[in-house]
Amino acid sequence: MRVSTRFLEILRMISRLWADLPLLVRLLTAWKRGSYRGLSIRTIVSLAGALLYIVSPIDLLPDFIPGIGLLDDAAVVAVLLHSIAQDLAAFRVWEQGRNGI
């Protein structure tokens, strides 16, 4: 794979990550309010584990290192969003049906 192709894939992944974060926040808000109950135990455990890693002072790359300190946290969020993609898609369908779109 050429470097430029790999770079474009990384940019697409960042774009999807950026687009899915607000959806994840809406999913968690709806779940917390009790209006959405479609989350699996695996998803809840994944979310809790990712949150614990992100707020933990013990990181693979310490956050105080300029430029690269937050890369491991971003990678954890990216892996999390990839692993719960089906749950996000199901929530998106539920949300659109609820809004009458």
Protein backbone atom coordinates (compact mmCIF):
# COMPACT_ATOMS: atom_id res chain seq x y z
CA MET A 1 0.00 0.00 0.00
CA ARG A 2 1.36 3.40 -0.95
CA VAL A 3 1.93 6.02 1.72
CA SER A 4 -0.54 8.44 0.13
CA THR A 5 -3.27 5.77 0.12
CA ARG A 6 -2.61 4.99 3.78
CA PHE A 7 -2.70 8.70 4.61
CA LEU A 8 -6.08 9.04 2.89
CA GLU A 9 -7.41 6.09 4.87
CA ILE A 10 -6.28 7.73 8.10
CA LEU A 11 -7.99 10.97 7.09
CA ARG A 12 -11.23 9.06 6.35
CA MET A 13 -11.04 7.36 9.73
CA ILE A 14 -10.57 10.70 11.48
CA SER A 15 -13.53 12.10 9.57
CA ARG A 16 -15.75 9.17 10.63
CA LEU A 17 -14.50 9.50 14.21
CA TRP A 18 -15.37 13.19 14.23
CA ALA A 19 -18.84 12.49 12.81
CA ASP A 20 -19.57 9.61 15.23
CA LEU A 21 -18.64 11.41 18.46
CA PRO A 22 -21.83 13.55 18.56
CA LEU A 23 -23.86 10.43 17.75
CA LEU A 24 -22.21 8.62 20.67
CA VAL A 25 -23.03 11.52 23.00
CA ARG A 26 -26.68 11.47 21.85
CA LEU A 27 -26.79 7.68 22.32
CA LEU A 28 -25.48 7.96 25.88
CA THR A 29 -27.89 10.79 26.66
CA ALA A 30 -30.88 8.82 25.37
CA TRP A 31 -29.72 5.73 27.26
CA LYS A 32 -29.29 7.71 30.46
CA ARG A 33 -32.78 9.21 30.13
CA GLY A 34 -34.19 5.74 29.59
CA SER A 35 -35.62 6.43 26.17
CA TYR A 36 -33.13 4.10 24.41
CA ARG A 37 -32.42 0.62 25.76
CA GLY A 38 -30.68 -0.96 22.78
CA LEU A 39 -27.20 -1.05 24.31
CA SER A 40 -25.55 -4.42 24.88
CA ILE A 41 -23.55 -5.24 27.99
CA ARG A 42 -20.45 -5.48 25.77
CA THR A 43 -20.97 -1.90 24.62
CA ILE A 44 -21.47 -0.60 28.15
CA VAL A 45 -18.31 -2.37 29.34
CA SER A 46 -16.36 -1.05 26.31
CA LEU A 47 -17.53 2.50 27.01
CA ALA A 48 -16.63 2.23 30.69
CA GLY A 49 -13.19 0.77 29.91
CA ALA A 50 -12.41 3.47 27.35
CA LEU A 51 -13.53 6.20 29.73
CA LEU A 52 -11.40 4.79 32.54
CA TYR A 53 -8.35 4.64 30.26
CA ILE A 54 -8.85 8.18 29.00
CA VAL A 55 -9.23 9.74 32.46
CA SER A 56 -6.53 7.56 34.04
CA PRO A 57 -3.22 9.31 34.75
CA ILE A 58 -1.41 6.10 33.73
CA ASP A 59 -1.20 6.00 29.93
CA LEU A 60 0.84 4.22 27.31
CA LEU A 61 1.96 7.69 26.17
CA PRO A 62 1.79 10.23 29.04
CA ASP A 63 -0.54 13.12 28.19
CA PHE A 64 2.02 15.77 29.12
CA ILE A 65 4.28 14.89 26.15
CA PRO A 66 3.66 17.67 23.60
CA GLY A 67 2.31 16.57 20.26
CA ILE A 68 1.99 12.84 20.94
CA GLY A 69 0.65 12.65 24.48
CA LEU A 70 -2.98 12.36 23.44
CA LEU A 71 -2.44 9.94 20.54
CA ASP A 72 -3.09 6.85 22.65
CA ASP A 73 -6.31 8.36 23.99
CA ALA A 74 -7.42 9.16 20.44
CA ALA A 75 -6.57 5.61 19.39
CA VAL A 76 -8.68 4.23 22.25
CA VAL A 77 -11.64 6.37 21.13
CA ALA A 78 -11.14 5.26 17.52
CA VAL A 79 -11.04 1.58 18.50
CA LEU A 80 -14.09 2.08 20.71
CA LEU A 81 -16.11 3.69 17.92
CA HIS A 82 -15.07 0.93 15.53
CA SER A 83 -16.06 -1.78 18.01
CA ILE A 84 -19.48 -0.27 18.70
CA ALA A 85 -20.22 0.67 15.08
CA GLN A 86 -23.22 -1.69 14.94
CA ASP A 87 -24.68 -0.16 18.10
CA LEU A 88 -24.19 3.33 16.66
CA ALA A 89 -25.87 2.29 13.40
CA ALA A 90 -28.82 0.80 15.30
CA PHE A 91 -29.14 3.96 17.37
CA ARG A 92 -29.00 6.11 14.22
CA VAL A 93 -31.91 4.11 12.74
CA TRP A 94 -33.84 4.35 16.03
CA GLU A 95 -33.19 8.09 16.24
CA GLN A 96 -34.30 8.70 12.64
CA GLY A 97 -37.46 6.62 13.17
CA ARG A 98 -38.23 8.56 16.33
CA ASN A 99 -37.73 11.89 14.60
CA GLY A 100 -39.83 10.79 11.64
CA ILE A 101 -37.03 11.17 9.11
